[in-house]
Amino acid sequence: MLLAVLWLAACGKPTPAPVEENVYYTCSMDPQVVEQNPGPCPICKMPLVRVEIAPDKKRTR
């Protein structure tokens, strides 16, 4: 019984990382790629670069 409870507790969904409003990630080779999380570029597979927006600027898409 204890094993079943531990197994079910370990199967919980992980909480997603909070998204920062003034940060986005883009590719230096494919600047049209804009993501909210780091990772590889979906086009060229290079690592995405973190871009911080000044607090007084608004992000437009």
Protein backbone atom coordinates (compact mmCIF):
# COMPACT_ATOMS: atom_id res chain seq x y z
CA MET A 1 0.00 0.00 0.00
CA LEU A 2 2.80 2.42 0.91
CA LEU A 3 4.56 1.63 -2.36
CA ALA A 4 1.42 2.48 -4.34
CA VAL A 5 1.05 5.83 -2.55
CA LEU A 6 4.70 6.73 -3.18
CA TRP A 7 4.42 5.71 -6.82
CA LEU A 8 1.30 7.83 -7.35
CA ALA A 9 2.88 10.81 -5.59
CA ALA A 10 5.92 10.59 -7.89
CA CYS A 11 3.68 10.62 -10.98
CA GLY A 12 2.35 14.13 -10.34
CA LYS A 13 2.67 16.68 -13.11
CA PRO A 14 5.62 19.04 -12.72
CA THR A 15 4.76 22.69 -12.41
CA PRO A 16 5.88 24.74 -15.42
CA ALA A 17 8.57 27.36 -14.94
CA PRO A 18 7.18 30.87 -14.57
CA VAL A 19 7.33 32.96 -17.74
CA GLU A 20 9.15 36.25 -17.37
CA GLU A 21 7.23 39.09 -19.02
CA ASN A 22 10.32 41.07 -20.05
CA VAL A 23 12.33 38.13 -21.46
CA TYR A 24 12.11 36.16 -24.67
CA TYR A 25 14.42 33.83 -26.58
CA THR A 26 15.33 34.15 -30.24
CA CYS A 27 17.77 32.66 -32.74
CA SER A 28 20.73 34.67 -33.94
CA MET A 29 20.47 33.03 -37.38
CA ASP A 30 16.66 33.04 -37.63
CA PRO A 31 15.42 36.18 -35.81
CA GLN A 32 11.81 35.48 -36.77
CA VAL A 33 11.88 32.69 -34.15
CA VAL A 34 10.59 34.08 -30.83
CA GLU A 35 9.99 31.69 -27.92
CA GLN A 36 9.09 32.14 -24.25
CA ASN A 37 11.47 29.40 -23.08
CA PRO A 38 15.09 28.50 -23.87
CA GLY A 39 15.89 25.60 -26.14
CA PRO A 40 17.01 24.84 -29.68
CA CYS A 41 15.86 26.83 -32.70
CA PRO A 42 13.17 24.84 -34.52
CA ILE A 43 14.73 25.81 -37.88
CA CYS A 44 18.52 25.49 -37.49
CA LYS A 45 18.77 23.77 -34.06
CA MET A 46 21.17 26.40 -32.65
CA PRO A 47 20.60 27.39 -28.99
CA LEU A 48 18.18 30.29 -28.58
CA VAL A 49 19.58 33.54 -27.18
CA ARG A 50 18.01 35.24 -24.16
CA VAL A 51 16.78 38.79 -24.83
CA GLU A 52 15.70 41.10 -22.01
CA ILE A 53 13.35 43.99 -22.72
CA ALA A 54 13.83 47.25 -20.82
CA PRO A 55 11.01 47.71 -18.25
CA ASP A 56 9.83 50.91 -19.96
CA LYS A 57 9.46 49.16 -23.36
CA LYS A 58 6.49 47.02 -24.35
CA ARG A 59 6.91 43.82 -26.32
CA THR A 60 5.02 43.69 -29.60
CA ARG A 61 4.48 40.63 -31.74
